[in-house]
Amino acid sequence: MTIPTFDEYVASLGRMTPHVDPTAPSTAATDLGRAAASLGDLPVVDRDHLAEWARQHPAWVPALGLAVGLSQEKLRNSLRHAFDTPSWLTLARGRADELVAHLDDEFELVRLVASQRHRTYDFGDLLSARAGTRASAIRAGVSGRRLEDEIEAIARDLGLACGTRTRFTGRANRTAPCDLVIPSAQEPAIVVAAKGFDSTGSKLTDAVREIEEMADVRLPRQTVMAVIDGIGWKSRQADLKRIHQLWVDQQIDGLYTLSTLDRFRVDLADAARLRRLIP
């Protein structure tokens, strides 16, 4: 198998976190309050008017993000994923039509601004907004399990015994974490890491360290694979490049995204047959 370049691998990354449709706006600072009032004064809410609004007020673009439930970090990640730049100022000044079209296609910007800008909010709406923030965090945690669930389902569909979210023993009885082990933690023949993130933070660095640890303790007879996805990695490309280099240097045996799980299935089956785990 030809190993794709790092840029090709980055291009295969996709969004992991499902979007949560907000029910109320976040508490705004002074500028956001002015932005909200300005949006309320628009004669018509459609793509053309919102694009012109963004051109006139590029610094207020985060208000559009909040209107559809995106924090500034998630807005940056979404823009980087779509336009290869996280700068809403640059996009608003030079590509406002594309910026608004992206937010509308992905998050229903026009509908949400139109439905929310003149609405009266009460205490129940405030509590719902706070609950929504918690719900978003909970859903992000659930999405983090998506890759684990996908690779486990593939292993079981191939008829492989497996364990999840455990540690395996390698050289000199040293251990390392893994998200999938085949056939068991006591007899680790194939180990897989699954790391999906749409936001950035220390968890991405921790994920890199875990995969490096897996590569470091592996025995020659053990196969080490990693499935990594999520647009958060685009903001931590130096970390992602360390993992890709492990693949280039043959310290791990495969690196995949959700879009290449078909390849993962083939490679997993080949590794399992080599070790006589399946016929």
Protein backbone atom coordinates (compact mmCIF):
# COMPACT_ATOMS: atom_id res chain seq x y z
CA MET A 1 0.00 0.00 0.00
CA THR A 2 1.35 3.44 -0.96
CA ILE A 3 1.41 5.74 2.05
CA PRO A 4 -0.35 9.04 1.23
CA THR A 5 1.52 12.26 1.86
CA PHE A 6 0.78 14.21 5.01
CA ASP A 7 -1.19 16.81 3.03
CA GLU A 8 -3.25 14.04 1.43
CA TYR A 9 -3.97 12.60 4.85
CA VAL A 10 -5.00 15.99 6.25
CA ALA A 11 -7.36 16.42 3.29
CA SER A 12 -9.14 13.20 4.27
CA LEU A 13 -10.04 14.48 7.74
CA GLY A 14 -13.73 15.14 8.33
CA ARG A 15 -16.05 16.51 10.97
CA MET A 16 -16.68 14.29 13.99
CA THR A 17 -18.99 16.35 16.19
CA PRO A 18 -22.66 16.53 15.21
CA HIS A 19 -24.02 20.06 15.11
CA VAL A 20 -26.46 21.08 17.86
CA ASP A 21 -29.20 23.48 16.76
CA PRO A 22 -29.32 26.18 19.50
CA THR A 23 -32.58 27.38 21.05
CA ALA A 24 -31.32 30.69 22.43
CA PRO A 25 -28.34 33.01 21.91
CA SER A 26 -25.43 33.11 24.31
CA THR A 27 -24.98 36.04 26.67
CA ALA A 28 -23.32 38.73 24.60
CA ALA A 29 -20.63 41.25 25.37
CA THR A 30 -21.14 44.83 24.24
CA ASP A 31 -19.95 44.24 20.68
CA LEU A 32 -22.12 41.13 20.33
CA GLY A 33 -25.08 43.14 21.59
CA ARG A 34 -24.41 45.74 18.91
CA ALA A 35 -24.04 42.99 16.33
CA ALA A 36 -27.34 41.43 17.37
CA ALA A 37 -29.09 44.81 17.15
CA SER A 38 -27.60 45.35 13.70
CA LEU A 39 -28.82 41.96 12.53
CA GLY A 40 -32.23 42.83 13.92
CA ASP A 41 -32.31 45.96 11.77
CA LEU A 42 -31.73 44.11 8.50
CA PRO A 43 -34.76 44.62 6.21
CA VAL A 44 -34.48 41.06 4.87
CA VAL A 45 -32.56 38.03 6.12
CA ASP A 46 -31.14 36.15 3.15
CA ARG A 47 -27.70 35.21 1.92
CA ASP A 48 -27.14 38.45 0.00
CA HIS A 49 -28.05 40.73 2.91
CA LEU A 50 -26.02 38.68 5.40
CA ALA A 51 -23.00 38.70 3.09
CA GLU A 52 -23.21 42.48 2.75
CA TRP A 53 -23.59 42.75 6.55
CA ALA A 54 -20.43 40.64 7.01
CA ARG A 55 -18.51 42.80 4.54
CA GLN A 56 -19.50 45.93 6.48
CA HIS A 57 -18.88 44.38 9.92
CA PRO A 58 -16.14 41.72 9.54
CA ALA A 59 -15.28 41.83 13.25
CA TRP A 60 -18.86 40.86 14.08
CA VAL A 61 -18.82 37.57 12.15
CA PRO A 62 -18.58 35.59 15.46
CA ALA A 63 -22.16 36.76 16.08
CA LEU A 64 -23.19 34.71 13.04
CA GLY A 65 -21.33 31.76 14.54
CA LEU A 66 -23.13 32.15 17.86
CA ALA A 67 -26.46 32.44 16.04
CA VAL A 68 -25.96 28.88 14.79
CA GLY A 69 -24.36 27.58 17.99
CA LEU A 70 -20.65 27.79 17.15
CA SER A 71 -18.11 29.04 19.68
CA GLN A 72 -15.21 31.06 18.27
CA GLU A 73 -13.00 27.95 18.37
CA LYS A 74 -15.53 25.86 16.48
CA LEU A 75 -16.08 28.71 14.02
CA ARG A 76 -12.33 28.89 13.36
CA ASN A 77 -12.10 25.13 12.89
CA SER A 78 -15.08 25.12 10.53
CA LEU A 79 -13.59 27.94 8.43
CA ARG A 80 -10.17 26.30 8.34
CA HIS A 81 -11.81 23.05 7.21
CA ALA A 82 -13.79 24.78 4.45
CA PHE A 83 -11.40 27.56 3.33
CA ASP A 84 -7.94 26.61 4.68
CA THR A 85 -7.97 29.74 6.85
CA PRO A 86 -9.49 30.35 10.28
CA SER A 87 -9.71 34.14 9.71
CA TRP A 88 -13.29 35.36 9.50
CA LEU A 89 -11.93 38.90 9.01
CA THR A 90 -10.14 37.88 5.80
CA LEU A 91 -13.13 35.90 4.55
CA ALA A 92 -15.67 38.60 5.39
CA ARG A 93 -13.65 41.24 3.58
CA GLY A 94 -12.83 39.24 0.47
CA ARG A 95 -15.16 36.22 0.25
CA ALA A 96 -18.26 37.20 2.20
CA ASP A 97 -20.65 35.46 -0.20
CA GLU A 98 -18.76 32.15 0.20
CA LEU A 99 -18.51 32.61 3.96
CA VAL A 100 -22.26 33.09 4.36
CA ALA A 101 -23.04 30.28 1.91
CA HIS A 102 -20.85 27.91 3.95
CA LEU A 103 -22.54 28.83 7.24
CA ASP A 104 -25.96 28.49 5.63
CA ASP A 105 -25.23 25.15 3.93
CA GLU A 106 -23.66 23.62 7.02
CA PHE A 107 -25.66 25.22 9.86
CA GLU A 108 -28.82 26.84 8.38
CA LEU A 109 -27.63 30.38 9.08
CA VAL A 110 -30.45 32.18 7.26
CA ARG A 111 -33.22 30.23 9.00
CA LEU A 112 -31.69 30.55 12.45
CA VAL A 113 -30.96 34.28 12.21
CA ALA A 114 -34.44 34.96 10.83
CA SER A 115 -36.17 32.89 13.52
CA GLN A 116 -34.17 34.25 16.46
CA ARG A 117 -33.42 37.92 15.85
CA HIS A 118 -36.79 39.33 17.03
CA ARG A 119 -37.74 36.61 19.49
CA THR A 120 -38.43 37.50 23.15
CA TYR A 121 -36.53 35.29 25.59
CA ASP A 122 -37.64 34.37 29.10
CA PHE A 123 -36.05 32.61 32.07
CA GLY A 124 -36.94 29.20 30.65
CA ASP A 125 -35.05 30.06 27.48
CA LEU A 126 -32.03 31.03 29.59
CA LEU A 127 -32.09 27.66 31.37
CA SER A 128 -32.53 25.87 28.04
CA ALA A 129 -29.49 27.69 26.64
CA ARG A 130 -27.40 26.64 29.62
CA ALA A 131 -28.64 23.07 29.29
CA GLY A 132 -27.80 23.23 25.58
CA THR A 133 -24.20 24.09 26.40
CA ARG A 134 -24.02 21.03 28.63
CA ALA A 135 -25.76 18.94 25.96
CA SER A 136 -23.15 20.03 23.43
CA ALA A 137 -20.37 18.92 25.76
CA ILE A 138 -22.08 15.59 26.36
CA ARG A 139 -22.61 15.04 22.65
CA ALA A 140 -18.95 15.88 21.95
CA GLY A 141 -18.02 13.10 24.39
CA VAL A 142 -20.36 10.73 22.61
CA SER A 143 -18.84 11.64 19.26
CA GLY A 144 -15.43 10.80 20.68
CA ARG A 145 -16.67 7.22 20.98
CA ARG A 146 -17.76 7.12 17.36
CA LEU A 147 -14.44 5.92 15.98
CA GLU A 148 -14.14 3.33 18.72
CA ASP A 149 -17.60 2.00 17.95
CA GLU A 150 -16.87 1.90 14.21
CA ILE A 151 -13.65 -0.08 14.47
CA GLU A 152 -15.11 -2.46 17.04
CA ALA A 153 -18.06 -3.14 14.73
CA ILE A 154 -15.67 -3.91 11.85
CA ALA A 155 -13.65 -6.31 13.99
CA ARG A 156 -16.72 -8.16 15.20
CA ASP A 157 -18.16 -8.29 11.68
CA LEU A 158 -14.94 -10.03 10.60
CA GLY A 159 -15.50 -12.59 13.34
CA LEU A 160 -12.63 -11.38 15.50
CA ALA A 161 -12.64 -11.56 19.28
CA CYS A 162 -11.67 -8.20 20.71
CA GLY A 163 -11.51 -5.99 23.76
CA THR A 164 -11.87 -2.23 24.02
CA ARG A 165 -10.37 0.68 25.96
CA THR A 166 -7.63 -1.23 27.72
CA ARG A 167 -3.85 -1.70 27.83
CA PHE A 168 -1.67 -4.25 26.09
CA THR A 169 1.72 -5.72 26.98
CA GLY A 170 4.66 -5.45 24.62
CA ARG A 171 8.46 -5.43 24.84
CA ALA A 172 10.06 -6.07 28.23
CA ASN A 173 6.56 -6.44 29.74
CA ARG A 174 5.93 -2.75 29.21
CA THR A 175 2.33 -1.72 28.60
CA ALA A 176 0.59 0.92 26.47
CA PRO A 177 -3.02 2.03 26.06
CA CYS A 178 -5.19 1.03 23.12
CA ASP A 179 -8.81 1.52 22.12
CA LEU A 180 -9.17 -1.90 20.47
CA VAL A 181 -7.16 -5.07 21.07
CA ILE A 182 -7.46 -8.34 19.13
CA PRO A 183 -8.04 -10.99 20.31
CA SER A 184 -7.58 -9.89 23.95
CA ALA A 185 -5.46 -7.80 26.30
CA GLN A 186 -3.84 -11.02 27.50
CA GLU A 187 -2.89 -12.05 23.92
CA PRO A 188 -2.50 -8.79 21.98
CA ALA A 189 -1.85 -9.56 18.33
CA ILE A 190 -3.42 -6.42 16.83
CA VAL A 191 -3.92 -3.11 18.66
CA VAL A 192 -5.70 -0.02 17.38
CA ALA A 193 -5.92 3.58 18.58
CA ALA A 194 -9.06 5.60 17.75
CA LYS A 195 -8.82 9.37 18.23
CA GLY A 196 -11.49 11.73 16.88
CA PHE A 197 -11.67 15.41 17.81
CA ASP A 198 -13.39 18.43 16.26
CA SER A 199 -12.06 20.83 18.90
CA THR A 200 -8.48 21.44 19.94
CA GLY A 201 -6.86 21.00 23.32
CA SER A 202 -4.64 18.84 25.46
CA LYS A 203 -6.52 15.68 24.50
CA LEU A 204 -4.93 15.80 21.06
CA THR A 205 -1.44 15.93 22.53
CA ASP A 206 -2.37 13.09 24.86
CA ALA A 207 -3.55 11.08 21.85
CA VAL A 208 -0.22 11.56 20.10
CA ARG A 209 1.66 10.45 23.20
CA GLU A 210 -0.49 7.32 23.51
CA ILE A 211 0.14 6.30 19.89
CA GLU A 212 3.86 6.94 20.24
CA GLU A 213 3.80 4.78 23.37
CA MET A 214 2.04 2.00 21.45
CA ALA A 215 4.69 2.14 18.73
CA ASP A 216 7.49 2.14 21.28
CA VAL A 217 6.41 -0.97 23.21
CA ARG A 218 5.16 -3.10 20.30
CA LEU A 219 6.63 -6.51 19.72
CA PRO A 220 7.67 -7.48 16.16
CA ARG A 221 4.75 -9.89 15.97
CA GLN A 222 2.20 -7.22 16.97
CA THR A 223 0.33 -4.99 14.50
CA VAL A 224 -0.31 -1.39 15.52
CA MET A 225 -2.91 0.70 13.67
CA ALA A 226 -4.51 4.10 14.28
CA VAL A 227 -7.79 5.63 13.12
CA ILE A 228 -7.78 9.41 13.49
CA ASP A 229 -10.34 11.96 12.32
CA GLY A 230 -11.94 15.29 13.13
CA ILE A 231 -11.29 18.82 11.95
CA GLY A 232 -9.71 19.73 15.31
CA TRP A 233 -6.54 18.05 14.06
CA LYS A 234 -6.23 20.75 11.39
CA SER A 235 -5.39 23.19 14.18
CA ARG A 236 -2.75 20.82 15.61
CA GLN A 237 -1.02 19.68 12.45
CA ALA A 238 2.37 19.42 14.13
CA ASP A 239 0.90 16.77 16.46
CA LEU A 240 -0.80 14.99 13.57
CA LYS A 241 2.41 15.03 11.56
CA ARG A 242 4.19 13.14 14.35
CA ILE A 243 1.65 10.33 13.98
CA HIS A 244 1.88 10.35 10.19
CA GLN A 245 5.68 10.10 10.48
CA LEU A 246 5.30 6.97 12.62
CA TRP A 247 3.47 5.45 9.65
CA VAL A 248 6.09 6.64 7.16
CA ASP A 249 8.82 5.18 9.38
CA GLN A 250 6.88 1.88 9.66
CA GLN A 251 6.62 2.17 13.43
CA ILE A 252 2.87 1.72 13.03
CA ASP A 253 1.25 -0.35 10.32
CA GLY A 254 -1.61 1.86 9.17
CA LEU A 255 -3.30 5.25 9.62
CA TYR A 256 -6.94 5.78 8.65
CA THR A 257 -9.90 8.17 8.79
CA LEU A 258 -13.64 7.52 8.64
CA SER A 259 -13.43 8.01 4.88
CA THR A 260 -10.86 5.19 4.58
CA LEU A 261 -12.47 2.62 6.89
CA ASP A 262 -12.92 0.32 3.90
CA ARG A 263 -9.13 0.19 3.64
CA PHE A 264 -8.91 -0.35 7.40
CA ARG A 265 -11.26 -3.31 7.10
CA VAL A 266 -9.12 -4.90 4.36
CA ASP A 267 -5.86 -4.32 6.24
CA LEU A 268 -7.32 -5.57 9.52
CA ALA A 269 -8.53 -8.75 7.84
CA ASP A 270 -5.10 -9.28 6.22
CA ALA A 271 -3.33 -8.83 9.57
CA ALA A 272 -5.75 -11.21 11.26
CA ARG A 273 -5.25 -13.89 8.59
CA LEU A 274 -1.49 -13.52 8.87
CA ARG A 275 -1.80 -14.31 12.55
CA ARG A 276 -4.32 -17.09 11.89
CA LEU A 277 -7.06 -15.37 13.85
CA ILE A 278 -9.54 -15.88 11.01
CA PRO A 279 -9.48 -18.29 8.07
